[in-house]
PDB file of N, CA and C in Angstrom:
ATOM      1  N   MET A   1       1.329  16.448 -16.463  1.00  0.00           N
ATOM      2  CA  MET A   1       1.880  16.924 -15.206  1.00  0.00           C
ATOM      3  C   MET A   1       3.284  16.349 -15.056  1.00  0.00           C
ATOM      4  N   GLY A   2       4.265  17.195 -14.816  1.00  0.00           N
ATOM      5  CA  GLY A   2       5.646  16.757 -14.692  1.00  0.00           C
ATOM      6  C   GLY A   2       6.017  16.441 -13.255  1.00  0.00           C
ATOM      7  N   GLU A   3       7.286  16.352 -13.043  1.00  0.00           N
ATOM      8  CA  GLU A   3       7.786  16.074 -11.696  1.00  0.00           C
ATOM      9  C   GLU A   3       7.594  17.293 -10.798  1.00  0.00           C
ATOM     10  N   PRO A   4       7.402  17.064  -9.497  1.00  0.00           N
ATOM     11  CA  PRO A   4       7.278  18.212  -8.595  1.00  0.00           C
ATOM     12  C   PRO A   4       8.601  18.962  -8.500  1.00  0.00           C
ATOM     13  N   GLY A   5       8.508  20.283  -8.424  1.00  0.00           N
ATOM     14  CA  GLY A   5       9.695  21.118  -8.346  1.00  0.00           C
ATOM     15  C   GLY A   5       9.894  21.665  -6.944  1.00  0.00           C
ATOM     16  N   PHE A   6      10.837  22.600  -6.825  1.00  0.00           N
ATOM     17  CA  PHE A   6      11.150  23.193  -5.528  1.00  0.00           C
ATOM     18  C   PHE A   6       9.972  23.980  -4.973  1.00  0.00           C
ATOM     19  N   VAL A   7       9.263  24.685  -5.853  1.00  0.00           N
ATOM     20  CA  VAL A   7       8.121  25.484  -5.406  1.00  0.00           C
ATOM     21  C   VAL A   7       7.033  24.572  -4.866  1.00  0.00           C
ATOM     22  N   ASP A   8       6.814  23.440  -5.519  1.00  0.00           N
ATOM     23  CA  ASP A   8       5.804  22.486  -5.047  1.00  0.00           C
ATOM     24  C   ASP A   8       6.148  21.967  -3.660  1.00  0.00           C
ATOM     25  N   ALA A   9       7.415  21.698  -3.412  1.00  0.00           N
ATOM     26  CA  ALA A   9       7.834  21.206  -2.099  1.00  0.00           C
ATOM     27  C   ALA A   9       7.629  22.271  -1.036  1.00  0.00           C
ATOM     28  N   ASP A  10       7.929  23.520  -1.380  1.00  0.00           N
ATOM     29  CA  ASP A  10       7.712  24.613  -0.424  1.00  0.00           C
ATOM     30  C   ASP A  10       6.237  24.785  -0.104  1.00  0.00           C
ATOM     31  N   ARG A  11       5.392  24.697  -1.126  1.00  0.00           N
ATOM     32  CA  ARG A  11       3.944  24.820  -0.899  1.00  0.00           C
ATOM     33  C   ARG A  11       3.430  23.676  -0.037  1.00  0.00           C
ATOM     34  N   ARG A  12       3.908  22.474  -0.291  1.00  0.00           N
ATOM     35  CA  ARG A  12       3.475  21.320   0.511  1.00  0.00           C
ATOM     36  C   ARG A  12       3.911  21.475   1.957  1.00  0.00           C
ATOM     37  N   ARG A  13       5.150  21.928   2.171  1.00  0.00           N
ATOM     38  CA  ARG A  13       5.660  22.126   3.523  1.00  0.00           C
ATOM     39  C   ARG A  13       4.855  23.212   4.244  1.00  0.00           C
ATOM     40  N   ALA A  14       4.494  24.284   3.531  1.00  0.00           N
ATOM     41  CA  ALA A  14       3.698  25.353   4.126  1.00  0.00           C
ATOM     42  C   ALA A  14       2.306  24.852   4.486  1.00  0.00           C
ATOM     43  N   ALA A  15       1.710  24.018   3.624  1.00  0.00           N
ATOM     44  CA  ALA A  15       0.385  23.467   3.911  1.00  0.00           C
ATOM     45  C   ALA A  15       0.433  22.542   5.122  1.00  0.00           C
ATOM     46  N   LEU A  16       1.488  21.750   5.242  1.00  0.00           N
ATOM     47  CA  LEU A  16       1.626  20.877   6.406  1.00  0.00           C
ATOM     48  C   LEU A  16       1.778  21.693   7.682  1.00  0.00           C
ATOM     49  N   SER A  17       2.545  22.775   7.623  1.00  0.00           N
ATOM     50  CA  SER A  17       2.739  23.618   8.798  1.00  0.00           C
ATOM     51  C   SER A  17       1.428  24.267   9.228  1.00  0.00           C
ATOM     52  N   GLU A  18       0.637  24.696   8.258  1.00  0.00           N
ATOM     53  CA  GLU A  18      -0.647  25.327   8.572  1.00  0.00           C
ATOM     54  C   GLU A  18      -1.612  24.344   9.227  1.00  0.00           C
ATOM     55  N   ASN A  19      -1.539  23.086   8.823  1.00  0.00           N
ATOM     56  CA  ASN A  19      -2.460  22.077   9.346  1.00  0.00           C
ATOM     57  C   ASN A  19      -1.964  21.415  10.622  1.00  0.00           C
ATOM     58  N   GLY A  20      -0.796  21.805  11.096  1.00  0.00           N
ATOM     59  CA  GLY A  20      -0.257  21.228  12.328  1.00  0.00           C
ATOM     60  C   GLY A  20       0.541  19.963  12.068  1.00  0.00           C
ATOM     61  N   ASP A  21       1.698  20.129  11.483  1.00  0.00           N
ATOM     62  CA  ASP A  21       2.574  18.999  11.163  1.00  0.00           C
ATOM     63  C   ASP A  21       3.066  18.338  12.451  1.00  0.00           C
ATOM     64  N   PRO A  22       2.787  17.040  12.645  1.00  0.00           N
ATOM     65  CA  PRO A  22       3.225  16.379  13.875  1.00  0.00           C
ATOM     66  C   PRO A  22       4.743  16.296  14.003  1.00  0.00           C
ATOM     67  N   LEU A  23       5.465  16.269  12.893  1.00  0.00           N
ATOM     68  CA  LEU A  23       6.927  16.219  12.975  1.00  0.00           C
ATOM     69  C   LEU A  23       7.502  17.522  13.520  1.00  0.00           C
ATOM     70  N   GLU A  24       6.861  18.636  13.228  1.00  0.00           N
ATOM     71  CA  GLU A  24       7.313  19.903  13.789  1.00  0.00           C
ATOM     72  C   GLU A  24       7.095  19.923  15.299  1.00  0.00           C
ATOM     73  N   ALA A  25       5.998  19.323  15.761  1.00  0.00           N
ATOM     74  CA  ALA A  25       5.741  19.257  17.198  1.00  0.00           C
ATOM     75  C   ALA A  25       6.794  18.398  17.895  1.00  0.00           C
ATOM     76  N   VAL A  26       7.169  17.289  17.279  1.00  0.00           N
ATOM     77  CA  VAL A  26       8.191  16.418  17.855  1.00  0.00           C
ATOM     78  C   VAL A  26       9.537  17.137  17.864  1.00  0.00           C
ATOM     79  N   ALA A  27       9.850  17.831  16.782  1.00  0.00           N
ATOM     80  CA  ALA A  27      11.125  18.546  16.697  1.00  0.00           C
ATOM     81  C   ALA A  27      11.222  19.651  17.744  1.00  0.00           C
ATOM     82  N   ALA A  28      10.075  20.225  18.122  1.00  0.00           N
ATOM     83  CA  ALA A  28      10.087  21.262  19.144  1.00  0.00           C
ATOM     84  C   ALA A  28      10.343  20.677  20.535  1.00  0.00           C
ATOM     85  N   LEU A  29      10.010  19.416  20.735  1.00  0.00           N
ATOM     86  CA  LEU A  29      10.140  18.795  22.049  1.00  0.00           C
ATOM     87  C   LEU A  29      11.470  18.062  22.250  1.00  0.00           C
ATOM     88  N   VAL A  30      12.008  17.489  21.197  1.00  0.00           N
ATOM     89  CA  VAL A  30      13.188  16.634  21.308  1.00  0.00           C
ATOM     90  C   VAL A  30      14.442  17.426  20.943  1.00  0.00           C
ATOM     91  N   ARG A  31      15.454  17.343  21.791  1.00  0.00           N
ATOM     92  CA  ARG A  31      16.751  17.953  21.487  1.00  0.00           C
ATOM     93  C   ARG A  31      17.591  16.908  20.759  1.00  0.00           C
ATOM     94  N   TRP A  32      17.590  16.955  19.435  1.00  0.00           N
ATOM     95  CA  TRP A  32      18.256  15.943  18.625  1.00  0.00           C
ATOM     96  C   TRP A  32      19.760  15.991  18.767  1.00  0.00           C
ATOM     97  N   GLU A  33      20.312  17.131  19.147  1.00  0.00           N
ATOM     98  CA  GLU A  33      21.766  17.249  19.269  1.00  0.00           C
ATOM     99  C   GLU A  33      22.326  16.294  20.315  1.00  0.00           C
ATOM    100  N   SER A  34      21.518  15.978  21.328  1.00  0.00           N
ATOM    101  CA  SER A  34      22.003  15.086  22.379  1.00  0.00           C
ATOM    102  C   SER A  34      22.110  13.633  21.886  1.00  0.00           C
ATOM    103  N   PHE A  35      21.448  13.303  20.772  1.00  0.00           N
ATOM    104  CA  PHE A  35      21.490  11.947  20.235  1.00  0.00           C
ATOM    105  C   PHE A  35      22.501  11.782  19.105  1.00  0.00           C
ATOM    106  N   CYS A  36      23.074  12.869  18.615  1.00  0.00           N
ATOM    107  CA  CYS A  36      23.938  12.806  17.430  1.00  0.00           C
ATOM    108  C   CYS A  36      25.097  11.834  17.585  1.00  0.00           C
ATOM    109  N   ALA A  37      25.786  11.870  18.686  1.00  0.00           N
ATOM    110  CA  ALA A  37      26.957  10.998  18.868  1.00  0.00           C
ATOM    111  C   ALA A  37      26.549   9.525  18.862  1.00  0.00           C
ATOM    112  N   ASP A  38      25.445   9.202  19.528  1.00  0.00           N
ATOM    113  CA  ASP A  38      24.987   7.808  19.563  1.00  0.00           C
ATOM    114  C   ASP A  38      24.537   7.325  18.192  1.00  0.00           C
ATOM    115  N   ILE A  39      23.822   8.164  17.473  1.00  0.00           N
ATOM    116  CA  ILE A  39      23.337   7.782  16.140  1.00  0.00           C
ATOM    117  C   ILE A  39      24.495   7.614  15.174  1.00  0.00           C
ATOM    118  N   GLU A  40      25.450   8.545  15.202  1.00  0.00           N
ATOM    119  CA  GLU A  40      26.596   8.440  14.309  1.00  0.00           C
ATOM    120  C   GLU A  40      27.452   7.221  14.622  1.00  0.00           C
ATOM    121  N   ALA A  41      27.553   6.845  15.880  1.00  0.00           N
ATOM    122  CA  ALA A  41      28.344   5.669  16.253  1.00  0.00           C
ATOM    123  C   ALA A  41      27.732   4.391  15.695  1.00  0.00           C
ATOM    124  N   VAL A  42      26.425   4.356  15.575  1.00  0.00           N
ATOM    125  CA  VAL A  42      25.745   3.157  15.084  1.00  0.00           C
ATOM    126  C   VAL A  42      25.554   3.203  13.577  1.00  0.00           C
ATOM    127  N   ALA A  43      25.178   4.350  13.047  1.00  0.00           N
ATOM    128  CA  ALA A  43      24.773   4.446  11.649  1.00  0.00           C
ATOM    129  C   ALA A  43      25.939   4.605  10.686  1.00  0.00           C
ATOM    130  N   LEU A  44      26.960   5.334  11.067  1.00  0.00           N
ATOM    131  CA  LEU A  44      28.067   5.575  10.152  1.00  0.00           C
ATOM    132  C   LEU A  44      29.076   4.444  10.230  1.00  0.00           C
ATOM    133  N   THR A  45      29.355   3.853   9.095  1.00  0.00           N
ATOM    134  CA  THR A  45      30.299   2.753   9.016  1.00  0.00           C
ATOM    135  C   THR A  45      31.637   3.283   8.507  1.00  0.00           C
ATOM    136  N   PRO A  46      32.720   2.954   9.174  1.00  0.00           N
ATOM    137  CA  PRO A  46      34.032   3.389   8.669  1.00  0.00           C
ATOM    138  C   PRO A  46      34.298   2.819   7.278  1.00  0.00           C
ATOM    139  N   GLU A  47      35.071   3.542   6.484  1.00  0.00           N
ATOM    140  CA  GLU A  47      35.362   3.119   5.108  1.00  0.00           C
ATOM    141  C   GLU A  47      36.013   1.741   5.054  1.00  0.00           C
ATOM    142  N   ALA A  48      36.817   1.392   6.048  1.00  0.00           N
ATOM    143  CA  ALA A  48      37.504   0.100   6.048  1.00  0.00           C
ATOM    144  C   ALA A  48      36.526  -1.068   6.175  1.00  0.00           C
ATOM    145  N   GLU A  49      35.365  -0.834   6.746  1.00  0.00           N
ATOM    146  CA  GLU A  49      34.397  -1.907   6.946  1.00  0.00           C
ATOM    147  C   GLU A  49      33.333  -1.963   5.860  1.00  0.00           C
ATOM    148  N   LYS A  50      33.475  -1.182   4.803  1.00  0.00           N
ATOM    149  CA  LYS A  50      32.465  -1.139   3.753  1.00  0.00           C
ATOM    150  C   LYS A  50      32.707  -2.142   2.637  1.00  0.00           C
ATOM    151  N   THR A  51      33.296  -3.268   2.929  1.00  0.00           N
ATOM    152  CA  THR A  51      33.471  -4.308   1.923  1.00  0.00           C
ATOM    153  C   THR A  51      32.349  -5.319   2.095  1.00  0.00           C
ATOM    154  N   PHE A  52      31.610  -5.530   1.038  1.00  0.00           N
ATOM    155  CA  PHE A  52      30.476  -6.442   1.083  1.00  0.00           C
ATOM    156  C   PHE A  52      30.910  -7.816   0.581  1.00  0.00           C
ATOM    157  N   ARG A  53      30.622  -8.827   1.357  1.00  0.00           N
ATOM    158  CA  ARG A  53      31.039 -10.181   1.011  1.00  0.00           C
ATOM    159  C   ARG A  53      29.836 -11.076   0.717  1.00  0.00           C
ATOM    160  N   VAL A  54      28.744 -10.481   0.281  1.00  0.00           N
ATOM    161  CA  VAL A  54      27.552 -11.259  -0.033  1.00  0.00           C
ATOM    162  C   VAL A  54      27.215 -11.099  -1.502  1.00  0.00           C
ATOM    163  N   GLY A  55      26.464 -12.034  -2.040  1.00  0.00           N
ATOM    164  CA  GLY A  55      26.031 -11.952  -3.429  1.00  0.00           C
ATOM    165  C   GLY A  55      27.055 -12.490  -4.393  1.00  0.00           C
ATOM    166  N   CYS A  56      26.760 -12.344  -5.654  1.00  0.00           N
ATOM    167  CA  CYS A  56      27.655 -12.816  -6.713  1.00  0.00           C
ATOM    168  C   CYS A  56      28.856 -11.900  -6.848  1.00  0.00           C
ATOM    169  N   ARG A  57      29.965 -12.469  -7.233  1.00  0.00           N
ATOM    170  CA  ARG A  57      31.165 -11.681  -7.443  1.00  0.00           C
ATOM    171  C   ARG A  57      31.016 -10.884  -8.740  1.00  0.00           C
ATOM    172  N   PRO A  58      31.538  -9.654  -8.774  1.00  0.00           N
ATOM    173  CA  PRO A  58      31.464  -8.868 -10.017  1.00  0.00           C
ATOM    174  C   PRO A  58      32.372  -9.451 -11.091  1.00  0.00           C
ATOM    175  N   PHE A  59      32.020  -9.262 -12.311  1.00  0.00           N
ATOM    176  CA  PHE A  59      32.826  -9.745 -13.435  1.00  0.00           C
ATOM    177  C   PHE A  59      33.895  -8.757 -13.766  1.00  0.00           C
TER     178      PHE A  59
END
């Protein structure tokens, strides 16, 4: 048996939808667009701040 392909993912998603996927229920209730600005402000780091000063120095 090899790695799952695109068709396998589609079949799994269809099976979850048929059985009542709880994430689809949450997505129907929550307006995610209203949270986008807050999430991006916290999660996205500007390029200037992406310097890591921990760990061993590279050779």
